[in-house]
């Protein structure tokens, strides 16, 4: 999405910070909106899938990706704003995940009705 905005094919886009940084490094006049109380921070995540074909290798990758060197590189690449939402220093949106999960199926049906044609 950041590349579409950079090329002028879209006026606005929803993307993440590292994609914005890539087009900025390429010289595109693209800016991110500042984080505020309506911003939803979605931290980088990693998980080991139950029943994975190589669980030991998956566990090693899981542990490696949580290491301080990887975290620091993600921060330097603008792919991670900080070690936690609290470290960002700005109050952001705090969803009620239990309520969202409880409403997942009706919400999914509504989104399908709007977007899947």
Protein backbone atom coordinates (compact mmCIF):
# COMPACT_ATOMS: atom_id res chain seq x y z
CA UNK A 1 0.00 0.00 0.00
CA UNK A 2 2.84 2.41 0.79
CA UNK A 3 4.18 1.99 -2.76
CA UNK A 4 0.73 2.77 -4.24
CA UNK A 5 0.63 5.99 -2.24
CA UNK A 6 4.22 6.80 -3.20
CA UNK A 7 3.35 6.39 -6.91
CA UNK A 8 0.23 8.54 -6.54
CA UNK A 9 -2.12 5.62 -7.26
CA UNK A 10 -3.76 6.08 -3.85
CA UNK A 11 -4.16 9.13 -1.64
CA UNK A 12 -4.09 7.22 1.64
CA UNK A 13 -3.20 3.70 2.71
CA UNK A 14 -3.26 1.45 5.72
CA UNK A 15 0.13 -0.13 6.25
CA UNK A 16 2.80 -0.58 8.86
CA UNK A 17 5.73 1.55 9.87
CA UNK A 18 8.49 -0.40 8.14
CA UNK A 19 6.74 -0.21 4.74
CA UNK A 20 6.41 3.55 5.15
CA UNK A 21 10.10 3.77 6.02
CA UNK A 22 11.07 1.82 2.88
CA UNK A 23 9.35 4.24 0.52
CA UNK A 24 10.68 7.22 2.49
CA UNK A 25 14.24 5.88 2.07
CA UNK A 26 13.51 5.69 -1.67
CA UNK A 27 12.70 9.41 -1.57
CA UNK A 28 8.89 9.22 -1.69
CA UNK A 29 7.04 12.13 -0.06
CA UNK A 30 5.00 9.80 2.17
CA UNK A 31 4.26 10.54 5.81
CA UNK A 32 2.78 8.44 8.59
CA UNK A 33 0.04 9.85 10.74
CA UNK A 34 1.24 10.31 14.32
CA UNK A 35 0.21 7.70 16.86
CA UNK A 36 -2.63 8.78 19.11
CA UNK A 37 -5.44 7.38 21.27
CA UNK A 38 -7.19 6.02 18.15
CA UNK A 39 -4.13 4.18 16.81
CA UNK A 40 -4.15 0.41 17.04
CA UNK A 41 -0.68 -0.96 17.68
CA UNK A 42 -0.31 -4.52 16.49
CA UNK A 43 3.00 -5.82 17.82
CA UNK A 44 5.15 -8.14 15.78
CA UNK A 45 4.21 -11.68 16.71
CA UNK A 46 5.66 -15.13 16.37
CA UNK A 47 4.22 -18.48 17.37
CA UNK A 48 5.00 -22.16 17.11
CA UNK A 49 2.14 -23.97 15.41
CA UNK A 50 0.81 -27.01 17.20
CA UNK A 51 1.60 -30.11 15.16
CA UNK A 52 4.38 -28.40 13.19
CA UNK A 53 6.42 -30.93 11.19
CA UNK A 54 9.72 -29.84 12.81
CA UNK A 55 8.79 -28.59 16.30
CA UNK A 56 12.39 -28.38 17.56
CA UNK A 57 13.45 -26.14 14.66
CA UNK A 58 10.29 -24.05 15.10
CA UNK A 59 11.07 -23.60 18.80
CA UNK A 60 14.66 -22.54 18.04
CA UNK A 61 13.42 -19.97 15.50
CA UNK A 62 10.83 -18.74 18.03
CA UNK A 63 13.55 -18.22 20.65
CA UNK A 64 15.95 -16.59 18.16
CA UNK A 65 13.34 -14.08 16.96
CA UNK A 66 12.71 -12.96 20.55
CA UNK A 67 16.38 -12.26 21.16
CA UNK A 68 17.66 -8.77 21.92
CA UNK A 69 19.62 -8.52 18.65
CA UNK A 70 16.53 -9.20 16.53
CA UNK A 71 14.39 -6.82 18.58
CA UNK A 72 16.99 -4.06 18.25
CA UNK A 73 17.24 -4.59 14.48
CA UNK A 74 13.43 -4.40 14.18
CA UNK A 75 13.43 -1.12 16.10
CA UNK A 76 16.24 0.27 13.91
CA UNK A 77 14.31 -0.75 10.76
CA UNK A 78 11.20 1.08 12.04
CA UNK A 79 9.43 -2.29 12.10
CA UNK A 80 8.84 -2.16 15.84
CA UNK A 81 8.03 0.99 17.78
CA UNK A 82 9.38 -0.36 21.07
CA UNK A 83 9.54 -3.40 23.29
CA UNK A 84 5.92 -2.98 24.34
CA UNK A 85 2.99 -0.63 23.72
CA UNK A 86 3.90 1.05 27.01
CA UNK A 87 7.44 1.71 25.73
CA UNK A 88 6.04 3.73 22.84
CA UNK A 89 5.14 6.41 25.37
CA UNK A 90 1.79 7.30 23.78
CA UNK A 91 -1.59 6.03 24.91
CA UNK A 92 -3.08 4.07 22.02
CA UNK A 93 -6.28 2.14 21.41
CA UNK A 94 -6.85 -0.64 23.94
CA UNK A 95 -9.38 -3.05 22.38
CA UNK A 96 -11.59 -5.27 24.50
CA UNK A 97 -10.33 -8.48 22.89
CA UNK A 98 -12.82 -10.71 24.76
CA UNK A 99 -15.73 -8.72 23.37
CA UNK A 100 -14.23 -8.63 19.89
CA UNK A 101 -13.75 -12.40 19.87
CA UNK A 102 -17.31 -12.91 21.11
CA UNK A 103 -18.57 -10.81 18.16
CA UNK A 104 -16.16 -12.31 15.62
CA UNK A 105 -18.60 -14.36 13.56
CA UNK A 106 -21.29 -11.68 13.15
CA UNK A 107 -18.60 -9.11 12.37
CA UNK A 108 -16.97 -11.41 9.82
CA UNK A 109 -20.33 -12.01 8.15
CA UNK A 110 -20.91 -8.25 7.96
CA UNK A 111 -17.48 -7.65 6.42
CA UNK A 112 -18.07 -10.40 3.86
CA UNK A 113 -21.38 -8.81 2.90
CA UNK A 114 -19.61 -5.49 2.35
CA UNK A 115 -16.34 -6.58 0.71
CA UNK A 116 -16.79 -10.02 -0.87
CA UNK A 117 -18.73 -9.78 -4.10
